Protein backbone atom coordinates (compact mmCIF):
# COMPACT_ATOMS: atom_id res chain seq x y z
CA MET A 1 134.78 116.28 89.21
CA PRO A 2 131.15 115.96 88.03
CA ILE A 3 130.25 112.62 86.49
CA SER A 4 129.49 114.07 83.08
CA ASN A 5 132.82 115.93 82.90
CA ARG A 6 134.89 112.82 83.58
CA ILE A 7 132.87 110.63 81.23
CA ALA A 8 133.19 113.24 78.50
CA GLU A 9 136.96 112.86 78.78
CA PHE A 10 136.86 109.26 77.52
CA ARG A 11 134.02 109.66 75.02
CA ASP A 12 136.45 108.75 72.25
CA ASP A 13 137.16 105.42 73.97
CA MET A 14 133.44 104.62 74.11
CA ILE A 15 133.10 105.49 70.43
CA ARG A 16 136.02 103.22 69.60
CA TRP A 17 134.44 100.39 71.61
CA ARG A 18 131.09 100.93 69.91
CA HIS A 19 132.54 101.03 66.41
CA HIS A 20 134.44 97.81 67.09
CA LEU A 21 131.24 96.13 68.28
CA HIS A 22 129.24 97.49 65.35
CA ALA A 23 131.79 96.18 62.85
CA ASN A 24 131.74 92.73 64.47
CA PRO A 25 128.08 91.96 65.20
CA GLU A 26 126.92 88.57 66.44
CA LEU A 27 123.48 86.98 66.55
CA SER A 28 121.66 85.78 69.67
CA TYR A 29 123.66 83.25 71.69
CA GLN A 30 126.56 83.65 69.25
CA GLU A 31 128.01 86.72 71.01
CA HIS A 32 131.29 84.96 71.85
CA GLU A 33 133.67 87.67 70.62
CA THR A 34 131.40 90.39 71.99
CA ALA A 35 131.30 88.74 75.41
CA GLY A 36 135.07 88.32 75.34
CA PHE A 37 135.54 91.99 74.51
CA VAL A 38 133.19 93.03 77.33
CA ALA A 39 134.88 90.74 79.86
CA GLU A 40 138.35 91.95 78.87
CA THR A 41 137.31 95.61 79.16
CA LEU A 42 135.75 95.06 82.58
CA ARG A 43 138.80 93.21 83.91
CA ALA A 44 141.08 95.96 82.60
CA ASN A 45 139.18 98.31 84.91
CA GLY A 46 139.51 96.11 88.00
CA ILE A 47 135.98 94.71 87.91
CA GLU A 48 135.19 91.13 88.99
CA VAL A 49 133.90 89.17 85.99
CA THR A 50 131.75 86.05 85.64
CA GLU A 51 131.09 84.63 82.19
CA GLY A 52 128.65 82.08 80.81
CA ILE A 53 125.39 82.87 82.60
CA GLY A 54 122.71 82.64 79.95
CA GLY A 55 125.14 81.07 77.51
CA THR A 56 127.14 84.12 76.46
CA GLY A 57 126.17 86.53 79.23
CA VAL A 58 128.76 88.52 81.17
CA ILE A 59 128.41 89.81 84.73
CA GLY A 60 130.66 92.40 86.33
CA VAL A 61 130.63 93.24 90.04
CA LEU A 62 132.13 96.36 91.57
CA HIS A 63 132.12 97.34 95.25
CA GLY A 64 131.91 100.95 96.38
CA SER A 65 134.09 102.74 98.90
CA ARG A 66 131.18 103.82 101.11
CA GLU A 67 129.41 101.69 103.69
CA GLY A 68 126.13 100.15 102.69
CA ALA A 69 124.50 96.94 101.54
CA ARG A 70 122.60 98.20 98.50
CA SER A 71 123.01 96.18 95.29
CA ILE A 72 121.98 97.88 92.05
CA GLY A 73 121.85 96.09 88.71
CA LEU A 74 122.52 97.82 85.38
CA ARG A 75 121.70 95.91 82.21
CA ALA A 76 122.74 96.23 78.55
CA ASP A 77 121.91 93.88 75.67
CA MET A 78 124.65 92.68 73.30
CA ASP A 79 123.19 90.82 70.31
CA ALA A 80 122.70 91.89 66.70
CA LEU A 81 120.12 91.14 64.00
CA ALA A 82 120.03 89.04 60.83
CA ILE A 83 120.01 92.08 58.53
CA GLU A 84 122.40 92.94 55.69
CA GLU A 85 123.79 96.40 56.47
CA ARG A 86 123.41 99.07 53.76
CA ASN A 87 125.61 101.74 55.35
CA ASP A 88 129.01 102.49 53.83
CA PHE A 89 130.87 104.12 56.75
CA ALA A 90 134.17 102.71 58.02
CA HIS A 91 132.68 100.82 60.96
CA ARG A 92 129.97 99.03 58.95
CA SER A 93 129.43 95.34 59.63
CA LYS A 94 132.12 92.91 58.52
CA ASN A 95 129.78 89.95 59.02
CA LYS A 96 127.58 89.32 56.00
CA GLY A 97 123.89 89.28 56.82
CA VAL A 98 124.38 90.44 60.41
CA MET A 99 124.30 93.99 61.77
CA HIS A 100 123.66 96.03 64.89
CA ALA A 101 120.37 97.50 63.69
CA CYS A 102 118.91 98.10 67.15
CA GLY A 103 121.76 99.88 68.93
CA HIS A 104 122.86 97.13 71.27
CA ASP A 105 126.43 98.05 70.37
CA GLY A 106 125.72 101.49 71.81
CA HIS A 107 123.99 100.13 74.91
CA THR A 108 126.98 97.88 75.61
CA ALA A 109 129.52 100.66 75.10
CA MET A 110 127.58 103.07 77.33
CA LEU A 111 127.46 100.57 80.18
CA LEU A 112 131.17 99.88 79.74
CA GLY A 113 131.74 103.62 79.98
CA ALA A 114 129.76 103.83 83.21
CA ALA A 115 131.70 100.83 84.54
CA ARG A 116 135.00 102.52 83.78
CA TYR A 117 133.96 105.71 85.55
CA LEU A 118 132.61 103.90 88.61
CA SER A 119 135.75 101.75 88.86
CA GLU A 120 137.84 104.93 89.01
CA THR A 121 135.77 106.73 91.64
CA ARG A 122 133.98 103.98 93.64
CA ASN A 123 132.02 106.84 95.15
CA PHE A 124 129.00 104.78 96.11
CA ALA A 125 127.73 102.44 98.81
CA GLY A 126 127.23 98.71 98.38
CA GLN A 127 127.82 97.13 95.00
CA VAL A 128 126.85 97.50 91.37
CA VAL A 129 126.14 94.48 89.16
CA PHE A 130 126.78 95.07 85.46
CA ILE A 131 124.56 92.71 83.45
CA PHE A 132 125.57 92.23 79.82
CA GLN A 133 122.73 90.17 78.40
CA PRO A 134 122.73 87.99 75.29
CA ALA A 135 119.84 87.18 72.96
CA GLU A 136 117.44 90.05 73.58
CA GLU A 137 116.38 89.83 69.95
CA MET A 138 115.46 86.15 70.29
CA GLY A 139 113.22 87.20 73.14
CA GLY A 140 110.40 85.47 74.91
CA THR A 141 111.09 82.58 77.23
CA ASP A 142 113.90 81.43 74.92
CA GLY A 143 115.64 84.81 75.08
CA GLY A 144 118.58 85.98 77.14
CA ALA A 145 116.79 87.62 80.06
CA ALA A 146 114.61 84.62 80.87
CA ARG A 147 117.53 82.23 80.43
CA MET A 148 119.84 84.22 82.71
CA ILE A 149 117.14 84.20 85.37
CA ARG A 150 116.63 80.44 85.01
CA GLU A 151 120.38 79.91 85.35
CA GLY A 152 120.46 81.68 88.70
CA LEU A 153 121.43 85.26 87.84
CA PHE A 154 119.74 86.81 90.85
CA GLU A 155 120.57 83.99 93.25
CA LYS A 156 124.26 84.45 92.44
CA PHE A 157 124.12 88.24 92.11
CA PRO A 158 121.21 89.58 94.19
CA CYS A 159 119.95 93.01 93.15
CA ASP A 160 117.72 95.34 95.14
CA GLU A 161 116.79 97.27 92.01
CA LEU A 162 117.44 97.05 88.27
CA TYR A 163 117.79 99.60 85.48
CA GLY A 164 118.06 99.46 81.72
CA LEU A 165 117.59 101.75 78.76
CA HIS A 166 117.10 101.72 75.00
CA ASN A 167 117.96 104.28 72.36
CA TRP A 168 114.91 105.79 70.67
CA PRO A 169 115.17 107.19 67.11
CA GLY A 170 112.92 110.19 66.58
CA MET A 171 113.59 111.51 70.09
CA ASP A 172 116.11 114.34 70.38
CA ILE A 173 119.62 113.74 71.63
CA GLY A 174 119.76 114.84 75.26
CA THR A 175 116.19 113.67 75.96
CA PHE A 176 115.20 110.89 78.35
CA ALA A 177 111.73 109.36 78.64
CA VAL A 178 110.44 107.36 81.59
CA LYS A 179 107.15 106.71 83.35
CA ALA A 180 105.96 104.67 86.30
CA GLY A 181 103.72 101.71 85.59
CA PRO A 182 103.29 99.83 82.31
CA MET A 183 105.57 101.26 79.61
CA MET A 184 105.96 98.47 77.06
CA ALA A 185 103.43 95.80 76.16
CA SER A 186 103.21 92.10 76.81
CA GLY A 187 103.67 90.00 73.69
CA ASP A 188 101.99 86.71 72.83
CA SER A 189 101.93 84.70 69.61
CA PHE A 190 99.32 82.44 68.08
CA GLU A 191 99.19 79.87 65.31
CA ILE A 192 95.86 78.74 63.88
CA THR A 193 95.80 75.64 61.67
CA ILE A 194 92.71 75.20 59.49
CA SER A 195 92.23 71.79 57.88
CA SER A 196 89.77 70.03 55.59
CA THR A 197 89.78 67.96 52.42
CA GLY A 198 91.18 69.81 49.44
CA MET A 199 89.15 70.02 46.23
CA HIS A 200 89.04 71.51 42.77
CA ALA A 201 88.44 75.25 42.82
CA ALA A 202 85.54 74.75 40.41
CA GLN A 203 83.84 72.35 42.84
CA PRO A 204 83.95 74.09 46.26
CA HIS A 205 80.75 72.33 47.33
CA LYS A 206 82.65 69.05 47.65
CA GLY A 207 84.59 70.12 50.73
CA VAL A 208 85.22 72.98 53.14
CA ASP A 209 87.04 76.05 51.83
CA VAL A 210 89.88 76.60 54.32
CA ILE A 211 90.92 79.86 52.63
CA LEU A 212 87.44 81.32 53.10
CA THR A 213 87.47 80.07 56.68
CA ALA A 214 90.83 81.78 57.23
CA GLY A 215 89.41 85.03 55.88
CA HIS A 216 86.48 84.90 58.28
CA ILE A 217 88.85 84.26 61.20
CA ILE A 218 91.22 87.11 60.29
CA VAL A 219 88.36 89.61 60.06
CA ALA A 220 86.66 88.34 63.22
CA LEU A 221 89.87 88.61 65.25
CA GLN A 222 89.55 92.39 65.00
CA GLN A 223 86.30 92.34 66.99
CA ILE A 224 88.35 91.32 70.05
CA SER A 225 89.91 94.77 70.43
CA ALA A 226 86.86 96.59 69.05
CA ARG A 227 84.12 94.87 71.07
CA ASN A 228 85.53 92.50 73.71
CA ILE A 229 88.07 94.69 75.55
CA ASP A 230 87.51 97.85 77.58
CA PRO A 231 88.19 100.72 75.12
CA LEU A 232 90.42 102.34 77.76
CA ASP A 233 92.60 99.21 77.97
CA ALA A 234 94.40 99.09 74.64
CA ILE A 235 95.38 95.87 72.90
CA VAL A 236 96.53 94.92 69.41
CA VAL A 237 95.63 91.65 67.68
CA SER A 238 97.45 91.26 64.37
CA ALA A 239 97.49 88.37 61.92
CA THR A 240 100.94 88.63 60.36
CA GLN A 241 101.29 85.44 58.29
CA VAL A 242 98.92 83.40 56.13
CA HIS A 243 100.21 80.25 54.43
CA GLY A 244 98.22 77.92 52.21
CA GLY A 245 97.82 76.65 48.69
CA ASP A 246 100.23 76.25 45.78
CA ALA A 247 98.00 76.06 42.70
CA TYR A 248 95.56 78.55 41.18
CA ASN A 249 92.83 75.97 40.58
CA VAL A 250 93.02 73.92 43.79
CA LEU A 251 91.51 74.77 47.16
CA PRO A 252 94.12 73.55 49.66
CA ASN A 253 93.51 71.21 52.55
CA THR A 254 95.43 73.34 55.06
CA VAL A 255 95.90 77.03 55.82
CA THR A 256 98.02 78.37 58.68
CA ILE A 257 97.54 81.80 60.26
CA ARG A 258 100.15 83.24 62.60
CA GLY A 259 100.06 86.47 64.51
CA THR A 260 100.74 88.46 67.66
CA VAL A 261 98.75 89.93 70.54
CA ARG A 262 99.97 92.94 72.54
CA ALA A 263 98.46 94.27 75.76
CA PHE A 264 99.31 96.31 78.85
CA SER A 265 97.10 94.77 81.55
CA PRO A 266 96.85 91.13 82.67
CA THR A 267 93.06 91.35 82.32
CA ALA A 268 93.23 92.45 78.69
CA ARG A 269 95.91 89.88 77.95
CA LYS A 270 93.79 87.04 79.32
CA SER A 271 90.66 88.32 77.57
CA ALA A 272 92.51 88.52 74.26
CA GLU A 273 93.62 84.89 74.46
CA MET A 274 90.09 83.79 75.32
CA GLY A 275 88.82 85.90 72.43
CA VAL A 276 91.16 84.30 69.89
CA ARG A 277 90.11 80.82 70.98
CA ARG A 278 86.40 81.75 70.97
CA VAL A 279 86.55 83.27 67.48
CA VAL A 280 88.31 80.24 66.02
CA GLU A 281 85.95 77.79 67.71
CA GLY A 282 82.87 79.65 66.50
CA ILE A 283 83.97 79.94 62.89
CA SER A 284 85.10 76.33 62.89
CA LEU A 285 81.58 75.30 63.88
CA ALA A 286 80.05 77.62 61.29
CA THR A 287 82.14 76.42 58.34
CA GLY A 288 82.82 72.82 59.30
CA ALA A 289 86.59 73.16 59.04
CA GLN A 290 88.89 71.60 61.63
CA CYS A 291 90.65 74.45 63.46
CA ASP A 292 93.40 74.14 66.05
CA VAL A 293 94.94 76.98 68.07
CA SER A 294 98.42 77.12 69.57
CA TYR A 295 98.78 80.17 71.84
CA LEU A 296 102.07 81.10 73.50
CA GLN A 297 102.61 83.79 76.12
CA GLN A 298 106.07 85.15 75.29
CA TYR A 299 106.75 88.49 77.01
CA PRO A 300 105.30 89.99 80.19
CA THR A 301 104.34 93.65 80.29
CA LEU A 302 107.29 95.87 81.17
CA ILE A 303 106.24 97.67 84.34
CA ASN A 304 108.37 100.35 85.98
CA ALA A 305 108.18 100.48 89.78
CA ASP A 306 107.14 103.86 91.18
CA GLY A 307 110.23 104.37 93.34
CA ALA A 308 112.66 103.22 90.67
CA ALA A 309 111.01 105.45 88.07
CA ARG A 310 111.45 108.38 90.44
CA SER A 311 115.13 107.48 90.95
CA ALA A 312 115.60 107.30 87.19
CA GLU A 313 113.92 110.66 86.75
CA LEU A 314 116.19 112.26 89.37
CA ALA A 315 119.34 110.76 87.85
CA ALA A 316 118.28 111.81 84.36
CA SER A 317 117.42 115.36 85.40
CA SER A 318 121.05 116.03 86.32
CA VAL A 319 122.32 114.76 82.95
CA PHE A 320 119.77 115.22 80.18
CA ASN A 321 118.55 118.46 78.64
CA ARG A 322 114.96 117.26 78.88
CA VAL A 323 113.19 114.51 80.84
CA GLU A 324 109.76 113.32 79.70
CA THR A 325 107.89 111.75 82.62
CA ASN A 326 104.72 110.72 80.80
CA PRO A 327 105.70 109.40 77.37
CA SER A 328 103.22 107.41 75.32
CA GLN A 329 103.34 103.69 75.94
CA THR A 330 104.44 101.45 73.10
CA MET A 331 103.17 98.07 71.93
CA ILE A 332 106.78 97.04 71.25
CA VAL A 333 108.01 94.30 73.61
CA GLU A 334 111.25 94.09 75.60
CA ASP A 335 112.61 91.07 77.47
CA PHE A 336 114.01 93.20 80.30
CA ALA A 337 110.40 92.84 81.47
CA PHE A 338 111.29 89.35 82.74
CA MET A 339 113.88 90.87 85.08
CA LEU A 340 111.38 93.43 86.36
CA GLU A 341 108.70 90.82 87.15
CA ASN A 342 110.23 90.03 90.55
CA HIS A 343 112.55 93.00 91.11
CA PRO A 344 111.74 96.69 91.44
CA GLY A 345 113.35 98.60 88.64
CA CYS A 346 112.94 100.88 85.69
CA TYR A 347 113.49 101.01 81.94
CA GLY A 348 113.79 104.25 80.00
CA TRP A 349 114.36 105.56 76.50
CA ILE A 350 117.28 107.72 75.47
CA GLY A 351 117.05 110.01 72.46
CA ASN A 352 118.95 108.85 69.36
CA GLY A 353 118.21 111.88 67.21
CA PRO A 354 116.30 112.13 63.90
CA ASP A 355 114.74 108.99 62.45
CA ASP A 356 114.93 110.12 58.83
CA ASN A 357 116.98 108.50 56.04
CA GLY A 358 116.26 105.03 57.38
CA ARG A 359 117.63 105.72 60.86
CA ILE A 360 114.95 103.65 62.55
CA LEU A 361 115.28 100.51 64.64
CA HIS A 362 115.76 97.28 62.67
CA SER A 363 116.58 99.18 59.47
CA ALA A 364 119.52 98.30 57.21
CA TRP A 365 120.51 102.00 57.37
CA TYR A 366 120.34 102.35 61.15
CA ASP A 367 123.33 103.43 63.25
CA PHE A 368 123.54 104.29 66.93
CA ASN A 369 124.16 108.01 67.45
CA ASP A 370 127.53 108.51 69.14
CA ASP A 371 126.33 111.82 70.58
CA ALA A 372 124.14 109.80 72.98
CA PHE A 373 127.11 108.23 74.82
CA PHE A 374 127.69 111.14 77.16
CA TYR A 375 124.09 111.03 78.38
CA GLY A 376 123.62 107.28 78.71
CA ALA A 377 126.88 106.53 80.53
CA SER A 378 126.42 109.50 82.86
CA PHE A 379 122.86 108.40 83.62
CA PHE A 380 123.96 104.87 84.56
CA ALA A 381 126.73 106.23 86.79
CA GLY A 382 124.39 108.74 88.42
CA LEU A 383 121.94 106.00 89.35
CA VAL A 384 124.70 104.23 91.26
CA GLU A 385 126.17 107.27 92.99
CA GLY A 386 122.76 108.69 93.87
CA PRO A 387 121.77 112.35 94.26
CA ARG A 388 124.58 114.82 94.88
CA SER A 389 124.27 117.60 97.38
């Protein structure tokens, strides 16, 4: 029986799993009930389970019936977001202030569906490692992917290649997008602290205006992408927070600027950091304010290996109605990039349907589209079984 036909037969089970997870969301590193549900479902299908890697991570291992030493890793994220859900359907969140607003409930249920199918057929060589990752939303070096790696994920469960996916609102159901090379940006953060002696707003000449200094810095940061980076090598430098002052007639003694830098190439990433530091140093000298920079590299660029991208394209072509092989890159970050730093692999996007009426990622009105299950679970299973004659 074709993969898609069998998986379609237990679509209702995947929907039930997903609705249960959606109604019971848990924040990063608090996914205790979620992890328990995943582990129980895997064991019920005869899959070896290891819990606790990365705090609340769950690993399942399944061996195929055919000879071979290949080990393929499939990853799904499990955590939810600190958002109060505004939907009113039956499976809405029961946990106040927490909801699955990014579709990790759907990712988890799809991988469980693939695991169920593969446990029934075992029509593959070697082994498959099911990686249910916590804390993707926390991200960076504190997030689930980096922590699982630090705690020996790939020493305990070696993988020759890795695959993951994410639902994508605004892309049609039945569509898959993948490309070789950089697909999602690196992500760094910065904090700039500007200090001087505060003074009366009517007497600015008696000190250094840290608010004016902050304004100069924020504007000058934009010259980094406009004039310091190759125009063909896109980056984004965004100041996202400015904090300072608490009275209308007092110039404060401290202002803090926080922001993010996104890039695709290591060269642009390094140049951007140097640019931030150079801008702050120059304006500090010009105004006389004391300026300090804290710069943290948080996410690597997500880079799909050529061979793995081709394997993903082949698996998707037998399942999806349409496969896009050159989608636009995005400046959004993804901590699966940590897993791909030292392992060949691929990450793709699966269509979640229209993004109207608030159905966008991280929205209080978001919900994973249950019509995507058939495609995602079949894709995961097809990667493991390989091309069919």
